[in-house]
Amino acid sequence: MIKEFLCSVDWGDLDYLIIDTPPGTSDEHLAIVSLFKQSKVNGAVIVTTPQEVALSDVRKEISFCRKLKIPMIGLVENMASYTCTKCQTKSQIFPATSGGGAALAASENYSLLLFIAT
């Protein structure tokens, strides 16, 4: 199904193709990488949430990219905080107990491209 989606659709001229995959380094990731080998992918942007369980998955994904020589463009931290629309109180739904995406990006020497609050 992934091959059909990537190879049989006329995408036209693209500046970006964003593929949202499940966490980790599953068969989906391997299939996508093998299909893009000839297209010279510019790199990967990995999205995380601030809690440690998500960061653990992202560390595996970074390792996966390194092993397959996929350049890392940077990290994005999603759901960093939530602001109530009624009272404007800001809350951390997923507390960054180990520093979140910013700390991970710094430790891996990558850019934190975006910090998304909802």
N, C-alpha and C. Protein backbone atom coordinates (compact mmCIF):
# COMPACT_ATOMS: atom_id res chain seq x y z
N MET A 1 0.83 -1.19 0.00
CA MET A 1 0.00 0.00 0.00
C MET A 1 0.88 1.26 0.00
N ILE A 2 1.98 1.24 0.75
CA ILE A 2 2.87 2.39 0.79
C ILE A 2 3.48 2.63 -0.59
N LYS A 3 3.91 1.55 -1.25
CA LYS A 3 4.51 1.66 -2.58
C LYS A 3 3.51 2.26 -3.56
N GLU A 4 2.27 1.78 -3.51
CA GLU A 4 1.25 2.30 -4.41
C GLU A 4 1.01 3.79 -4.14
N PHE A 5 0.94 4.16 -2.88
CA PHE A 5 0.70 5.55 -2.51
C PHE A 5 1.83 6.47 -2.96
N LEU A 6 3.06 6.02 -2.80
CA LEU A 6 4.21 6.88 -3.14
C LEU A 6 4.57 6.84 -4.62
N CYS A 7 4.37 5.70 -5.25
CA CYS A 7 4.84 5.55 -6.63
C CYS A 7 3.74 5.70 -7.68
N SER A 8 2.49 5.50 -7.33
CA SER A 8 1.42 5.53 -8.33
C SER A 8 0.63 6.83 -8.34
N VAL A 9 0.93 7.72 -7.43
CA VAL A 9 0.22 9.01 -7.38
C VAL A 9 1.07 10.05 -8.11
N ASP A 10 0.43 10.84 -8.95
CA ASP A 10 1.13 11.93 -9.62
C ASP A 10 1.17 13.12 -8.67
N TRP A 11 2.28 13.28 -7.98
CA TRP A 11 2.42 14.34 -6.98
C TRP A 11 2.73 15.69 -7.63
N GLY A 12 3.09 15.68 -8.89
CA GLY A 12 3.49 16.93 -9.53
C GLY A 12 4.82 17.40 -8.96
N ASP A 13 5.12 18.67 -9.13
CA ASP A 13 6.34 19.23 -8.57
C ASP A 13 6.11 19.57 -7.10
N LEU A 14 6.96 19.01 -6.25
CA LEU A 14 6.81 19.23 -4.80
C LEU A 14 8.02 19.94 -4.23
N ASP A 15 7.77 20.84 -3.31
CA ASP A 15 8.85 21.40 -2.51
C ASP A 15 9.07 20.51 -1.29
N TYR A 16 7.97 19.97 -0.75
CA TYR A 16 8.03 19.12 0.43
C TYR A 16 7.04 17.97 0.28
N LEU A 17 7.41 16.84 0.82
CA LEU A 17 6.48 15.73 0.97
C LEU A 17 6.59 15.30 2.43
N ILE A 18 5.54 15.50 3.17
CA ILE A 18 5.53 15.18 4.60
C ILE A 18 4.81 13.86 4.80
N ILE A 19 5.48 12.93 5.46
CA ILE A 19 4.91 11.61 5.71
C ILE A 19 4.84 11.40 7.22
N ASP A 20 3.65 11.21 7.71
CA ASP A 20 3.43 10.99 9.14
C ASP A 20 3.41 9.49 9.38
N THR A 21 4.38 8.99 10.13
CA THR A 21 4.48 7.55 10.39
C THR A 21 4.30 7.28 11.87
N PRO A 22 4.00 6.04 12.22
CA PRO A 22 3.90 5.70 13.63
C PRO A 22 5.27 5.80 14.31
N PRO A 23 5.27 5.95 15.62
CA PRO A 23 6.56 6.04 16.33
C PRO A 23 7.41 4.79 16.13
N GLY A 24 8.71 4.99 16.21
CA GLY A 24 9.63 3.85 16.15
C GLY A 24 10.27 3.68 14.79
N THR A 25 10.73 2.48 14.55
CA THR A 25 11.46 2.17 13.31
C THR A 25 10.89 0.89 12.71
N SER A 26 9.64 0.93 12.37
CA SER A 26 8.91 -0.26 11.92
C SER A 26 9.11 -0.53 10.43
N ASP A 27 8.39 -1.51 9.94
CA ASP A 27 8.42 -1.86 8.52
C ASP A 27 8.01 -0.70 7.63
N GLU A 28 7.10 0.15 8.13
CA GLU A 28 6.68 1.30 7.33
C GLU A 28 7.87 2.21 7.03
N HIS A 29 8.69 2.44 8.03
CA HIS A 29 9.86 3.29 7.84
C HIS A 29 10.83 2.69 6.83
N LEU A 30 11.08 1.41 6.94
CA LEU A 30 11.98 0.73 6.00
C LEU A 30 11.44 0.78 4.58
N ALA A 31 10.15 0.58 4.42
CA ALA A 31 9.53 0.61 3.09
C ALA A 31 9.66 2.00 2.48
N ILE A 32 9.41 3.03 3.26
CA ILE A 32 9.49 4.40 2.75
C ILE A 32 10.92 4.73 2.34
N VAL A 33 11.87 4.39 3.19
CA VAL A 33 13.28 4.68 2.88
C VAL A 33 13.72 3.95 1.62
N SER A 34 13.34 2.70 1.48
CA SER A 34 13.76 1.95 0.29
C SER A 34 13.15 2.54 -0.98
N LEU A 35 11.93 3.06 -0.89
CA LEU A 35 11.29 3.66 -2.07
C LEU A 35 11.90 5.02 -2.42
N PHE A 36 12.46 5.70 -1.43
CA PHE A 36 13.02 7.03 -1.68
C PHE A 36 14.52 7.02 -1.95
N LYS A 37 15.16 5.87 -1.97
CA LYS A 37 16.62 5.82 -2.17
C LYS A 37 17.05 6.56 -3.43
N GLN A 38 16.33 6.41 -4.50
CA GLN A 38 16.72 7.01 -5.78
C GLN A 38 16.35 8.48 -5.86
N SER A 39 15.46 8.95 -5.00
CA SER A 39 14.99 10.34 -5.11
C SER A 39 15.87 11.34 -4.36
N LYS A 40 16.88 10.85 -3.68
CA LYS A 40 17.82 11.71 -2.95
C LYS A 40 17.09 12.63 -1.97
N VAL A 41 16.52 12.04 -0.97
CA VAL A 41 15.80 12.77 0.08
C VAL A 41 16.75 13.76 0.74
N ASN A 42 16.28 14.98 0.92
CA ASN A 42 17.11 16.02 1.55
C ASN A 42 17.30 15.78 3.04
N GLY A 43 16.34 15.16 3.69
CA GLY A 43 16.49 14.90 5.10
C GLY A 43 15.17 14.65 5.80
N ALA A 44 15.28 14.40 7.08
CA ALA A 44 14.13 14.09 7.91
C ALA A 44 13.93 15.16 8.97
N VAL A 45 12.67 15.49 9.21
CA VAL A 45 12.28 16.31 10.34
C VAL A 45 11.48 15.39 11.25
N ILE A 46 11.92 15.26 12.49
CA ILE A 46 11.25 14.35 13.41
C ILE A 46 10.45 15.16 14.42
N VAL A 47 9.21 14.74 14.62
CA VAL A 47 8.30 15.42 15.54
C VAL A 47 8.17 14.60 16.81
N THR A 48 8.21 15.29 17.95
CA THR A 48 8.07 14.63 19.24
C THR A 48 7.12 15.42 20.12
N THR A 49 6.71 14.82 21.19
CA THR A 49 6.06 15.54 22.28
C THR A 49 7.06 15.56 23.43
N PRO A 50 6.84 16.38 24.45
CA PRO A 50 7.90 16.59 25.45
C PRO A 50 8.15 15.45 26.44
N GLN A 51 7.25 14.50 26.56
CA GLN A 51 7.43 13.48 27.61
C GLN A 51 8.47 12.43 27.21
N GLU A 52 9.05 11.82 28.21
CA GLU A 52 10.19 10.91 28.01
C GLU A 52 9.85 9.72 27.11
N VAL A 53 8.65 9.17 27.19
CA VAL A 53 8.32 8.00 26.37
C VAL A 53 8.40 8.36 24.88
N ALA A 54 7.97 9.55 24.51
CA ALA A 54 8.06 9.98 23.11
C ALA A 54 9.51 10.25 22.72
N LEU A 55 10.27 10.86 23.63
CA LEU A 55 11.67 11.15 23.35
C LEU A 55 12.47 9.87 23.15
N SER A 56 12.10 8.82 23.87
CA SER A 56 12.76 7.52 23.71
C SER A 56 12.56 6.99 22.29
N ASP A 57 11.34 7.11 21.78
CA ASP A 57 11.06 6.69 20.40
C ASP A 57 11.85 7.54 19.41
N VAL A 58 11.97 8.82 19.68
CA VAL A 58 12.68 9.73 18.77
C VAL A 58 14.17 9.39 18.75
N ARG A 59 14.72 9.02 19.88
CA ARG A 59 16.14 8.61 19.91
C ARG A 59 16.36 7.42 18.99
N LYS A 60 15.43 6.47 18.98
CA LYS A 60 15.52 5.31 18.09
C LYS A 60 15.42 5.75 16.63
N GLU A 61 14.54 6.70 16.37
CA GLU A 61 14.36 7.19 15.00
C GLU A 61 15.62 7.92 14.53
N ILE A 62 16.24 8.69 15.40
CA ILE A 62 17.50 9.37 15.06
C ILE A 62 18.57 8.34 14.71
N SER A 63 18.66 7.31 15.52
CA SER A 63 19.63 6.23 15.26
C SER A 63 19.34 5.56 13.92
N PHE A 64 18.08 5.31 13.65
CA PHE A 64 17.64 4.72 12.38
C PHE A 64 18.10 5.59 11.21
N CYS A 65 17.88 6.90 11.31
CA CYS A 65 18.29 7.82 10.24
C CYS A 65 19.80 7.82 10.05
N ARG A 66 20.52 7.78 11.14
CA ARG A 66 21.99 7.75 11.04
C ARG A 66 22.47 6.48 10.33
N LYS A 67 21.92 5.34 10.73
CA LYS A 67 22.33 4.07 10.13
C LYS A 67 22.06 4.04 8.63
N LEU A 68 20.96 4.65 8.22
CA LEU A 68 20.58 4.64 6.81
C LEU A 68 21.07 5.88 6.06
N LYS A 69 21.87 6.70 6.75
CA LYS A 69 22.47 7.89 6.15
C LYS A 69 21.43 8.88 5.62
N ILE A 70 20.35 9.04 6.39
CA ILE A 70 19.32 10.03 6.09
C ILE A 70 19.68 11.28 6.88
N PRO A 71 19.96 12.39 6.22
CA PRO A 71 20.31 13.61 6.95
C PRO A 71 19.17 14.08 7.85
N MET A 72 19.52 14.56 9.01
CA MET A 72 18.53 15.12 9.93
C MET A 72 18.46 16.63 9.73
N ILE A 73 17.28 17.13 9.42
CA ILE A 73 17.08 18.57 9.28
C ILE A 73 16.89 19.19 10.66
N GLY A 74 16.14 18.50 11.52
CA GLY A 74 15.92 19.00 12.87
C GLY A 74 14.73 18.35 13.53
N LEU A 75 14.40 18.86 14.72
CA LEU A 75 13.30 18.33 15.52
C LEU A 75 12.21 19.39 15.69
N VAL A 76 10.99 18.91 15.86
CA VAL A 76 9.84 19.75 16.19
C VAL A 76 9.22 19.19 17.46
N GLU A 77 8.93 20.07 18.41
CA GLU A 77 8.21 19.62 19.62
C GLU A 77 6.77 20.08 19.52
N ASN A 78 5.86 19.12 19.49
CA ASN A 78 4.43 19.37 19.40
C ASN A 78 3.79 19.19 20.77
N MET A 79 2.68 19.83 21.00
CA MET A 79 1.92 19.73 22.25
C MET A 79 2.78 20.11 23.46
N ALA A 80 3.60 21.13 23.29
CA ALA A 80 4.48 21.57 24.36
C ALA A 80 3.70 22.13 25.54
N SER A 81 2.60 22.79 25.23
CA SER A 81 1.73 23.32 26.28
C SER A 81 0.35 23.55 25.69
N TYR A 82 -0.59 23.84 26.58
CA TYR A 82 -1.97 24.10 26.17
C TYR A 82 -2.42 25.38 26.86
N THR A 83 -3.04 26.28 26.11
CA THR A 83 -3.59 27.51 26.68
C THR A 83 -5.10 27.44 26.60
N CYS A 84 -5.75 27.54 27.75
CA CYS A 84 -7.21 27.52 27.83
C CYS A 84 -7.77 28.73 27.08
N THR A 85 -8.74 28.49 26.21
CA THR A 85 -9.31 29.58 25.42
C THR A 85 -10.21 30.49 26.25
N LYS A 86 -10.67 30.01 27.40
CA LYS A 86 -11.56 30.84 28.24
C LYS A 86 -10.79 31.70 29.22
N CYS A 87 -9.83 31.09 29.93
CA CYS A 87 -9.14 31.83 31.00
C CYS A 87 -7.69 32.16 30.68
N GLN A 88 -7.20 31.67 29.54
CA GLN A 88 -5.81 31.90 29.09
C GLN A 88 -4.75 31.27 29.99
N THR A 89 -5.17 30.33 30.86
CA THR A 89 -4.21 29.62 31.70
C THR A 89 -3.42 28.64 30.84
N LYS A 90 -2.11 28.67 31.01
CA LYS A 90 -1.23 27.79 30.25
C LYS A 90 -0.90 26.56 31.10
N SER A 91 -1.05 25.37 30.52
CA SER A 91 -0.78 24.12 31.23
C SER A 91 0.13 23.24 30.39
N GLN A 92 0.91 22.43 31.07
CA GLN A 92 1.72 21.43 30.38
C GLN A 92 1.00 20.10 30.49
N ILE A 93 0.45 19.64 29.39
CA ILE A 93 -0.27 18.37 29.37
C ILE A 93 0.72 17.21 29.44
N PHE A 94 1.83 17.35 28.73
CA PHE A 94 2.89 16.35 28.72
C PHE A 94 4.15 16.99 29.29
N PRO A 95 4.33 16.91 30.60
CA PRO A 95 5.50 17.57 31.20
C PRO A 95 6.83 17.05 30.64
N ALA A 96 7.74 17.98 30.42
CA ALA A 96 9.07 17.65 29.89
C ALA A 96 9.99 17.32 31.07
N THR A 97 9.88 16.11 31.58
CA THR A 97 10.65 15.73 32.77
C THR A 97 12.14 15.68 32.53
N SER A 98 12.55 15.50 31.27
CA SER A 98 13.99 15.43 30.97
C SER A 98 14.42 16.55 30.02
N GLY A 99 13.65 17.60 29.94
CA GLY A 99 14.02 18.73 29.09
C GLY A 99 13.31 18.79 27.75
N GLY A 100 12.55 17.77 27.39
CA GLY A 100 11.77 17.78 26.16
C GLY A 100 12.59 17.80 24.90
N GLY A 101 11.95 18.26 23.83
CA GLY A 101 12.58 18.30 22.52
C GLY A 101 13.79 19.21 22.46
N ALA A 102 13.76 20.31 23.21
CA ALA A 102 14.89 21.25 23.19
C ALA A 102 16.15 20.58 23.74
N ALA A 103 16.02 19.86 24.85
CA ALA A 103 17.18 19.19 25.44
C ALA A 103 17.68 18.07 24.53
N LEU A 104 16.75 17.32 23.92
CA LEU A 104 17.15 16.25 23.02
C LEU A 104 17.88 16.83 21.79
N ALA A 105 17.32 17.89 21.21
CA ALA A 105 17.96 18.51 20.06
C ALA A 105 19.37 18.98 20.40
N ALA A 106 19.52 19.59 21.56
CA ALA A 106 20.84 20.07 21.98
C ALA A 106 21.81 18.91 22.19
N SER A 107 21.34 17.85 22.83
CA SER A 107 22.23 16.71 23.12
C SER A 107 22.65 15.97 21.85
N GLU A 108 21.81 16.01 20.82
CA GLU A 108 22.10 15.33 19.55
C GLU A 108 22.72 16.29 18.52
N ASN A 109 22.87 17.55 18.92
CA ASN A 109 23.45 18.57 18.05
C ASN A 109 22.60 18.84 16.80
N TYR A 110 21.28 18.87 16.99
CA TYR A 110 20.33 19.21 15.93
C TYR A 110 19.59 20.48 16.32
N SER A 111 18.96 21.10 15.36
CA SER A 111 18.17 22.29 15.62
C SER A 111 16.78 21.91 16.10
N LEU A 112 16.26 22.66 17.06
CA LEU A 112 14.84 22.57 17.39
C LEU A 112 14.15 23.57 16.47
N LEU A 113 13.50 23.07 15.45
CA LEU A 113 12.95 23.91 14.39
C LEU A 113 11.70 24.66 14.82
N LEU A 114 10.90 24.02 15.67
CA LEU A 114 9.60 24.59 16.01
C LEU A 114 9.16 24.04 17.36
N PHE A 115 8.53 24.89 18.14
CA PHE A 115 7.99 24.54 19.44
C PHE A 115 6.52 24.88 19.37
N ILE A 116 5.65 23.87 19.29
CA ILE A 116 4.21 24.09 19.04
C ILE A 116 3.44 23.97 20.34
N ALA A 117 2.77 25.05 20.70
CA ALA A 117 1.85 25.04 21.83
C ALA A 117 0.43 25.04 21.26
N THR A 118 -0.47 24.37 21.94
CA THR A 118 -1.85 24.30 21.44
C THR A 118 -2.78 25.08 22.32
